[in-house]
C-alpha atoms as a PDB file:
ATOM      1  CA  MET A   1       0.013  -0.018  -0.021  1.00  0.00           C
ATOM      2  CA  ALA A   2       1.234   3.437  -0.879  1.00  0.00           C
ATOM      3  CA  ARG A   3       1.512   6.013   1.943  1.00  0.00           C
ATOM      4  CA  THR A   4       1.683   9.727   1.082  1.00  0.00           C
ATOM      5  CA  ALA A   5       2.290  12.477   3.606  1.00  0.00           C
ATOM      6  CA  LYS A   6       0.629  15.695   2.540  1.00  0.00           C
ATOM      7  CA  LEU A   7      -1.266  18.862   3.330  1.00  0.00           C
ATOM      8  CA  LEU A   8      -4.809  17.729   3.616  1.00  0.00           C
ATOM      9  CA  ASN A   9      -6.545  21.077   3.821  1.00  0.00           C
ATOM     10  CA  GLN A  10      -6.203  24.711   4.817  1.00  0.00           C
ATOM     11  CA  GLY A  11      -9.086  27.062   5.259  1.00  0.00           C
ATOM     12  CA  ALA A  12     -11.050  29.404   7.541  1.00  0.00           C
ATOM     13  CA  LEU A  13     -13.505  27.983  10.066  1.00  0.00           C
ATOM     14  CA  SER A  14     -17.002  29.272  10.510  1.00  0.00           C
ATOM     15  CA  SER A  15     -19.581  28.957  13.272  1.00  0.00           C
ATOM     16  CA  THR A  16     -21.213  25.959  11.573  1.00  0.00           C
ATOM     17  CA  ILE A  17     -19.794  22.452  11.776  1.00  0.00           C
ATOM     18  CA  THR A  18     -18.156  22.100   8.299  1.00  0.00           C
ATOM     19  CA  ALA A  19     -16.178  19.223   6.819  1.00  0.00           C
ATOM     20  CA  GLN A  20     -12.557  20.361   6.466  1.00  0.00           C
ATOM     21  CA  TYR A  21     -11.215  17.119   4.951  1.00  0.00           C
ATOM     22  CA  THR A  22     -12.932  14.001   3.520  1.00  0.00           C
ATOM     23  CA  ALA A  23     -10.971  10.779   3.112  1.00  0.00           C
ATOM     24  CA  PRO A  24     -11.020   9.813  -0.604  1.00  0.00           C
ATOM     25  CA  SER A  25     -12.545   6.528  -1.716  1.00  0.00           C
ATOM     26  CA  SER A  26     -10.298   3.504  -1.292  1.00  0.00           C
ATOM     27  CA  THR A  27      -8.138   5.518   1.164  1.00  0.00           C
ATOM     28  CA  THR A  28      -7.495   5.502   4.870  1.00  0.00           C
ATOM     29  CA  THR A  29      -6.080   8.716   6.308  1.00  0.00           C
ATOM     30  CA  GLN A  30      -4.305   9.462   9.514  1.00  0.00           C
ATOM     31  CA  VAL A  31      -4.356  13.093  10.613  1.00  0.00           C
ATOM     32  CA  THR A  32      -0.943  13.810  12.113  1.00  0.00           C
ATOM     33  CA  GLU A  33      -1.061  17.560  12.913  1.00  0.00           C
ATOM     34  CA  ILE A  34      -3.623  20.337  13.092  1.00  0.00           C
ATOM     35  CA  TYR A  35      -2.624  23.996  13.256  1.00  0.00           C
ATOM     36  CA  LEU A  36      -5.165  26.610  14.374  1.00  0.00           C
ATOM     37  CA  ALA A  37      -4.138  30.205  13.758  1.00  0.00           C
ATOM     38  CA  ASN A  38      -6.408  32.920  15.088  1.00  0.00           C
ATOM     39  CA  THR A  39      -5.855  35.933  12.751  1.00  0.00           C
ATOM     40  CA  GLY A  40      -8.264  38.117  14.765  1.00  0.00           C
ATOM     41  CA  THR A  41      -7.688  39.949  18.029  1.00  0.00           C
ATOM     42  CA  THR A  42     -10.476  38.155  19.981  1.00  0.00           C
ATOM     43  CA  ALA A  43     -10.053  34.702  21.560  1.00  0.00           C
ATOM     44  CA  ARG A  44     -12.029  31.969  19.843  1.00  0.00           C
ATOM     45  CA  THR A  45     -13.293  28.585  20.957  1.00  0.00           C
ATOM     46  CA  ILE A  46     -12.839  25.661  18.577  1.00  0.00           C
ATOM     47  CA  ASN A  47     -14.538  22.271  18.326  1.00  0.00           C
ATOM     48  CA  ILE A  48     -13.177  19.413  16.135  1.00  0.00           C
ATOM     49  CA  TYR A  49     -15.128  16.342  14.936  1.00  0.00           C
ATOM     50  CA  ALA A  50     -13.833  13.118  13.568  1.00  0.00           C
ATOM     51  CA  GLY A  51     -15.906  10.733  11.365  1.00  0.00           C
ATOM     52  CA  GLY A  52     -18.887  13.060  10.807  1.00  0.00           C
ATOM     53  CA  THR A  53     -20.368  16.489  11.270  1.00  0.00           C
ATOM     54  CA  TYR A  54     -22.530  15.822  14.329  1.00  0.00           C
ATOM     55  CA  SER A  55     -21.857  16.733  17.984  1.00  0.00           C
ATOM     56  CA  THR A  56     -21.645  12.933  18.651  1.00  0.00           C
ATOM     57  CA  ASN A  57     -18.429  12.981  16.536  1.00  0.00           C
ATOM     58  CA  SER A  58     -16.663  15.394  18.911  1.00  0.00           C
ATOM     59  CA  VAL A  59     -13.041  14.732  19.660  1.00  0.00           C
ATOM     60  CA  ILE A  60     -12.071  18.288  20.914  1.00  0.00           C
ATOM     61  CA  VAL A  61     -14.551  20.609  22.508  1.00  0.00           C
ATOM     62  CA  GLY A  62     -13.972  24.154  23.734  1.00  0.00           C
ATOM     63  CA  LEU A  63     -10.317  24.579  22.683  1.00  0.00           C
ATOM     64  CA  ALA A  64      -9.417  28.192  23.307  1.00  0.00           C
ATOM     65  CA  VAL A  65      -7.216  29.971  20.736  1.00  0.00           C
ATOM     66  CA  ASN A  66      -6.223  33.486  21.939  1.00  0.00           C
ATOM     67  CA  GLY A  67      -6.374  36.460  19.583  1.00  0.00           C
ATOM     68  CA  THR A  68      -3.366  36.686  17.245  1.00  0.00           C
ATOM     69  CA  ALA A  69      -2.115  33.338  18.498  1.00  0.00           C
ATOM     70  CA  SER A  70      -1.785  29.740  17.222  1.00  0.00           C
ATOM     71  CA  VAL A  71      -2.307  26.294  18.644  1.00  0.00           C
ATOM     72  CA  LEU A  72      -0.644  23.117  17.394  1.00  0.00           C
ATOM     73  CA  ILE A  73      -2.259  19.713  17.882  1.00  0.00           C
ATOM     74  CA  GLN A  74       0.358  17.172  17.034  1.00  0.00           C
ATOM     75  CA  ASP A  75       0.892  13.408  17.085  1.00  0.00           C
ATOM     76  CA  THR A  76      -2.861  12.775  16.687  1.00  0.00           C
ATOM     77  CA  LYS A  77      -4.189   9.323  16.296  1.00  0.00           C
ATOM     78  CA  ILE A  78      -7.270  10.394  14.298  1.00  0.00           C
ATOM     79  CA  VAL A  79      -7.820   7.827  11.574  1.00  0.00           C
ATOM     80  CA  LEU A  80     -10.452   8.396   8.931  1.00  0.00           C
ATOM     81  CA  ALA A  81     -11.733   5.472   6.869  1.00  0.00           C
ATOM     82  CA  THR A  82     -12.920   5.994   3.306  1.00  0.00           C
ATOM     83  CA  THR A  83     -15.296   8.908   2.972  1.00  0.00           C
ATOM     84  CA  LYS A  84     -15.157   9.856   6.632  1.00  0.00           C
ATOM     85  CA  VAL A  85     -14.623  13.557   7.468  1.00  0.00           C
ATOM     86  CA  LEU A  86     -12.639  15.718   9.809  1.00  0.00           C
ATOM     87  CA  ALA A  87     -14.901  18.690  10.593  1.00  0.00           C
ATOM     88  CA  ALA A  88     -14.561  21.802  12.799  1.00  0.00           C
ATOM     89  CA  LYS A  89     -16.192  25.038  13.822  1.00  0.00           C
ATOM     90  CA  GLN A  90     -15.382  28.111  15.874  1.00  0.00           C
ATOM     91  CA  ASP A  91     -17.764  29.910  18.218  1.00  0.00           C
ATOM     92  CA  THR A  92     -18.308  32.929  15.919  1.00  0.00           C
ATOM     93  CA  GLY A  93     -16.758  34.657  12.955  1.00  0.00           C
ATOM     94  CA  THR A  94     -14.235  33.222  10.422  1.00  0.00           C
ATOM     95  CA  ASP A  95     -10.947  34.398  11.769  1.00  0.00           C
ATOM     96  CA  VAL A  96      -9.417  30.983  12.665  1.00  0.00           C
ATOM     97  CA  ILE A  97      -7.426  29.254   9.880  1.00  0.00           C
ATOM     98  CA  MET A  98      -7.207  25.479  10.225  1.00  0.00           C
ATOM     99  CA  THR A  99      -4.296  23.707   8.512  1.00  0.00           C
ATOM    100  CA  ILE A 100      -4.407  19.884   8.507  1.00  0.00           C
ATOM    101  CA  PHE A 101      -1.462  17.541   7.683  1.00  0.00           C
ATOM    102  CA  GLY A 102      -1.657  13.778   7.461  1.00  0.00           C
ATOM    103  CA  VAL A 103      -0.847  10.545   5.667  1.00  0.00           C
ATOM    104  CA  GLU A 104      -3.115   9.003   3.060  1.00  0.00           C
ATOM    105  CA  GLU A 105      -2.823   5.258   2.458  1.00  0.00           C
ATOM    106  CA  VAL A 106      -4.207   3.733  -0.708  1.00  0.00           C
END
């Protein structure tokens, strides 16, 4: 099986739970690092979901990211089977940028 380390996605979060990455068909993905960069001046609260976009998929709830600051979540063991998603949201606004790195295995 081929394993490819890569940038999985980078984008702004919103106040709605939104898929940030979906594992392609015939692929298993391990998320290895998540960077959260708050480009605004107000602290934000982040929730992250693995496997789906429902509150029952919560893996991180209420993670604070201070204004003009970043948080690194590393060495994660989040594994997404084919078509499963990594989703996230922030409490309000769109000023937190989420960058996801991982390994896809086909």
